[in-house]
Amino acid sequence: MSHNNKICLIGKDLSLSLSYKIHKAIYDFLKINLEYKNKEFKNKLDVYSYLKDHFKDPFFAANVTYPYKETVYKFLKESNE
């Protein structure tokens, strides 16, 4: 599968999230070839490190759950400066 077909959910305690099940059901129903993965992190530093290295494992898009929304926002802001 090419990297253009990947989407991930960045968060903590993702076993509580319905995002994976909802997105998979939609993609399957619409016959869209997308890979949706949960990327669970224990702390903000791990999220930041993952984002710095994301070109090694690129993804097309990401959903971000609390408590990491601000971390991702700061990373994107710094990357665009």
N, C-alpha and C. Protein backbone atom coordinates (compact mmCIF):
# COMPACT_ATOMS: atom_id res chain seq x y z
N MET A 1 0.85 -1.17 0.00
CA MET A 1 0.00 0.00 0.00
C MET A 1 0.89 1.23 0.00
N SER A 2 0.60 2.19 -0.83
CA SER A 2 1.42 3.40 -0.88
C SER A 2 1.13 4.28 0.32
N HIS A 3 2.10 5.17 0.61
CA HIS A 3 1.92 6.04 1.77
C HIS A 3 0.74 6.98 1.62
N ASN A 4 0.27 7.19 0.41
CA ASN A 4 -0.85 8.09 0.18
C ASN A 4 -2.17 7.52 0.69
N ASN A 5 -2.17 6.26 1.05
CA ASN A 5 -3.41 5.62 1.49
C ASN A 5 -3.45 5.38 2.98
N LYS A 6 -2.62 6.08 3.74
CA LYS A 6 -2.56 5.86 5.17
C LYS A 6 -3.17 7.04 5.93
N ILE A 7 -3.88 6.69 6.97
CA ILE A 7 -4.42 7.66 7.90
C ILE A 7 -4.15 7.11 9.29
N CYS A 8 -3.81 7.98 10.22
CA CYS A 8 -3.59 7.48 11.58
C CYS A 8 -4.33 8.33 12.60
N LEU A 9 -4.57 7.73 13.73
CA LEU A 9 -5.16 8.41 14.87
C LEU A 9 -4.05 8.51 15.91
N ILE A 10 -3.68 9.73 16.27
CA ILE A 10 -2.65 9.98 17.27
C ILE A 10 -3.34 10.28 18.58
N GLY A 11 -3.00 9.52 19.62
CA GLY A 11 -3.66 9.77 20.89
C GLY A 11 -3.12 8.94 22.02
N LYS A 12 -3.88 8.94 23.10
CA LYS A 12 -3.55 8.21 24.32
C LYS A 12 -4.80 7.45 24.75
N ASP A 13 -4.63 6.25 25.26
CA ASP A 13 -5.77 5.42 25.67
C ASP A 13 -6.76 5.23 24.53
N LEU A 14 -6.26 4.84 23.38
CA LEU A 14 -7.10 4.74 22.18
C LEU A 14 -8.07 3.57 22.21
N SER A 15 -7.91 2.69 23.16
CA SER A 15 -8.87 1.59 23.27
C SER A 15 -10.27 2.12 23.58
N LEU A 16 -10.36 3.34 24.07
CA LEU A 16 -11.64 3.97 24.38
C LEU A 16 -12.25 4.67 23.17
N SER A 17 -11.45 4.86 22.12
CA SER A 17 -11.90 5.61 20.95
C SER A 17 -12.66 4.73 19.97
N LEU A 18 -13.72 5.27 19.42
CA LEU A 18 -14.47 4.57 18.37
C LEU A 18 -14.00 4.96 16.97
N SER A 19 -13.03 5.84 16.90
CA SER A 19 -12.58 6.37 15.62
C SER A 19 -12.18 5.29 14.63
N TYR A 20 -11.38 4.30 15.07
CA TYR A 20 -10.93 3.24 14.17
C TYR A 20 -12.12 2.49 13.59
N LYS A 21 -13.04 2.07 14.43
CA LYS A 21 -14.20 1.30 13.95
C LYS A 21 -15.06 2.12 13.00
N ILE A 22 -15.27 3.38 13.32
CA ILE A 22 -16.10 4.24 12.47
C ILE A 22 -15.45 4.43 11.10
N HIS A 23 -14.16 4.80 11.10
CA HIS A 23 -13.48 5.04 9.83
C HIS A 23 -13.38 3.77 9.00
N LYS A 24 -13.05 2.64 9.62
CA LYS A 24 -12.95 1.38 8.87
C LYS A 24 -14.28 1.02 8.25
N ALA A 25 -15.37 1.18 8.97
CA ALA A 25 -16.69 0.87 8.43
C ALA A 25 -17.02 1.76 7.23
N ILE A 26 -16.69 3.02 7.33
CA ILE A 26 -16.96 3.95 6.22
C ILE A 26 -16.13 3.58 5.00
N TYR A 27 -14.83 3.35 5.20
CA TYR A 27 -13.95 3.01 4.07
C TYR A 27 -14.38 1.70 3.42
N ASP A 28 -14.72 0.71 4.23
CA ASP A 28 -15.18 -0.56 3.68
C ASP A 28 -16.48 -0.40 2.90
N PHE A 29 -17.41 0.36 3.45
CA PHE A 29 -18.69 0.57 2.79
C PHE A 29 -18.52 1.29 1.45
N LEU A 30 -17.64 2.28 1.42
CA LEU A 30 -17.41 3.05 0.20
C LEU A 30 -16.37 2.41 -0.72
N LYS A 31 -15.83 1.26 -0.29
CA LYS A 31 -14.81 0.55 -1.05
C LYS A 31 -13.60 1.43 -1.36
N ILE A 32 -13.18 2.16 -0.33
CA ILE A 32 -12.01 3.03 -0.42
C ILE A 32 -10.83 2.28 0.19
N ASN A 33 -9.73 2.18 -0.55
CA ASN A 33 -8.55 1.46 -0.10
C ASN A 33 -7.68 2.37 0.77
N LEU A 34 -8.01 2.41 2.05
CA LEU A 34 -7.23 3.21 3.00
C LEU A 34 -6.84 2.35 4.19
N GLU A 35 -5.67 2.61 4.68
CA GLU A 35 -5.20 1.94 5.89
C GLU A 35 -5.32 2.93 7.04
N TYR A 36 -6.06 2.57 8.07
CA TYR A 36 -6.26 3.43 9.24
C TYR A 36 -5.63 2.75 10.44
N LYS A 37 -4.64 3.41 11.05
CA LYS A 37 -3.92 2.83 12.18
C LYS A 37 -4.01 3.73 13.40
N ASN A 38 -4.10 3.10 14.54
CA ASN A 38 -3.99 3.83 15.80
C ASN A 38 -2.51 3.98 16.15
N LYS A 39 -2.10 5.18 16.49
CA LYS A 39 -0.73 5.45 16.95
C LYS A 39 -0.85 5.98 18.37
N GLU A 40 -0.65 5.08 19.32
CA GLU A 40 -0.83 5.45 20.73
C GLU A 40 0.51 5.83 21.35
N PHE A 41 0.51 6.95 22.07
CA PHE A 41 1.73 7.46 22.69
C PHE A 41 1.48 7.69 24.18
N LYS A 42 2.55 7.52 24.97
CA LYS A 42 2.44 7.68 26.42
C LYS A 42 2.70 9.11 26.87
N ASN A 43 3.43 9.89 26.02
CA ASN A 43 3.74 11.26 26.42
C ASN A 43 3.94 12.15 25.20
N LYS A 44 3.98 13.46 25.46
CA LYS A 44 4.09 14.45 24.38
C LYS A 44 5.42 14.36 23.64
N LEU A 45 6.48 14.02 24.35
CA LEU A 45 7.80 13.91 23.72
C LEU A 45 7.80 12.81 22.66
N ASP A 46 7.14 11.69 22.96
CA ASP A 46 7.05 10.60 21.97
C ASP A 46 6.26 11.03 20.74
N VAL A 47 5.21 11.81 20.95
CA VAL A 47 4.41 12.32 19.82
C VAL A 47 5.28 13.22 18.97
N TYR A 48 6.00 14.13 19.61
CA TYR A 48 6.85 15.08 18.89
C TYR A 48 7.92 14.33 18.09
N SER A 49 8.53 13.32 18.71
CA SER A 49 9.56 12.53 18.01
C SER A 49 8.96 11.82 16.80
N TYR A 50 7.76 11.26 16.98
CA TYR A 50 7.10 10.59 15.86
C TYR A 50 6.84 11.58 14.72
N LEU A 51 6.37 12.75 15.06
CA LEU A 51 6.09 13.74 14.02
C LEU A 51 7.37 14.17 13.30
N LYS A 52 8.46 14.33 14.04
CA LYS A 52 9.74 14.68 13.41
C LYS A 52 10.17 13.63 12.41
N ASP A 53 9.88 12.38 12.71
CA ASP A 53 10.31 11.27 11.86
C ASP A 53 9.22 10.79 10.91
N HIS A 54 8.11 11.49 10.82
CA HIS A 54 6.97 10.95 10.07
C HIS A 54 7.25 10.75 8.59
N PHE A 55 8.28 11.38 8.05
CA PHE A 55 8.59 11.14 6.64
C PHE A 55 9.16 9.74 6.43
N LYS A 56 9.67 9.12 7.48
CA LYS A 56 10.15 7.74 7.37
C LYS A 56 8.97 6.77 7.26
N ASP A 57 7.86 7.13 7.85
CA ASP A 57 6.63 6.35 7.77
C ASP A 57 5.50 7.31 7.47
N PRO A 58 5.49 7.86 6.25
CA PRO A 58 4.54 8.94 5.96
C PRO A 58 3.09 8.48 6.00
N PHE A 59 2.25 9.44 6.30
CA PHE A 59 0.82 9.17 6.32
C PHE A 59 0.13 10.27 5.55
N PHE A 60 -1.01 9.96 5.01
CA PHE A 60 -1.77 10.91 4.22
C PHE A 60 -2.45 11.93 5.12
N ALA A 61 -2.95 11.48 6.25
CA ALA A 61 -3.67 12.37 7.16
C ALA A 61 -3.63 11.78 8.56
N ALA A 62 -3.94 12.62 9.52
CA ALA A 62 -3.98 12.14 10.90
C ALA A 62 -5.12 12.82 11.65
N ASN A 63 -5.78 12.05 12.47
CA ASN A 63 -6.70 12.59 13.45
C ASN A 63 -5.94 12.64 14.76
N VAL A 64 -6.19 13.64 15.57
CA VAL A 64 -5.46 13.79 16.82
C VAL A 64 -6.45 13.95 17.96
N THR A 65 -6.24 13.15 19.00
CA THR A 65 -7.11 13.24 20.17
C THR A 65 -6.42 14.03 21.27
N TYR A 66 -7.21 14.49 22.21
CA TYR A 66 -6.69 15.10 23.41
C TYR A 66 -5.94 14.01 24.17
N PRO A 67 -4.79 14.20 24.74
CA PRO A 67 -4.16 15.45 25.12
C PRO A 67 -3.09 15.95 24.16
N TYR A 68 -3.05 15.44 22.93
CA TYR A 68 -1.93 15.76 22.04
C TYR A 68 -2.24 16.79 20.96
N LYS A 69 -3.41 17.37 20.98
CA LYS A 69 -3.75 18.36 19.95
C LYS A 69 -2.79 19.55 19.96
N GLU A 70 -2.47 20.07 21.14
CA GLU A 70 -1.56 21.21 21.24
C GLU A 70 -0.15 20.84 20.79
N THR A 71 0.30 19.64 21.11
CA THR A 71 1.63 19.19 20.70
C THR A 71 1.74 19.15 19.19
N VAL A 72 0.74 18.60 18.53
CA VAL A 72 0.74 18.52 17.07
C VAL A 72 0.64 19.93 16.47
N TYR A 73 -0.21 20.76 17.05
CA TYR A 73 -0.34 22.14 16.57
C TYR A 73 1.00 22.87 16.64
N LYS A 74 1.70 22.76 17.78
CA LYS A 74 3.00 23.43 17.94
C LYS A 74 4.01 22.89 16.94
N PHE A 75 4.01 21.58 16.72
CA PHE A 75 4.93 21.00 15.75
C PHE A 75 4.67 21.55 14.35
N LEU A 76 3.40 21.59 13.95
CA LEU A 76 3.07 22.08 12.62
C LEU A 76 3.40 23.56 12.47
N LYS A 77 3.17 24.33 13.51
CA LYS A 77 3.48 25.75 13.48
C LYS A 77 4.98 25.96 13.33
N GLU A 78 5.79 25.22 14.09
CA GLU A 78 7.24 25.31 13.99
C GLU A 78 7.73 24.86 12.62
N SER A 79 7.10 23.84 12.07
CA SER A 79 7.52 23.32 10.76
C SER A 79 7.27 24.29 9.64
N ASN A 80 6.30 25.17 9.82
CA ASN A 80 5.95 26.13 8.76
C ASN A 80 6.67 27.45 8.90
N GLU A 81 7.47 27.60 9.92
CA GLU A 81 8.20 28.89 10.11
C GLU A 81 9.47 28.93 9.33
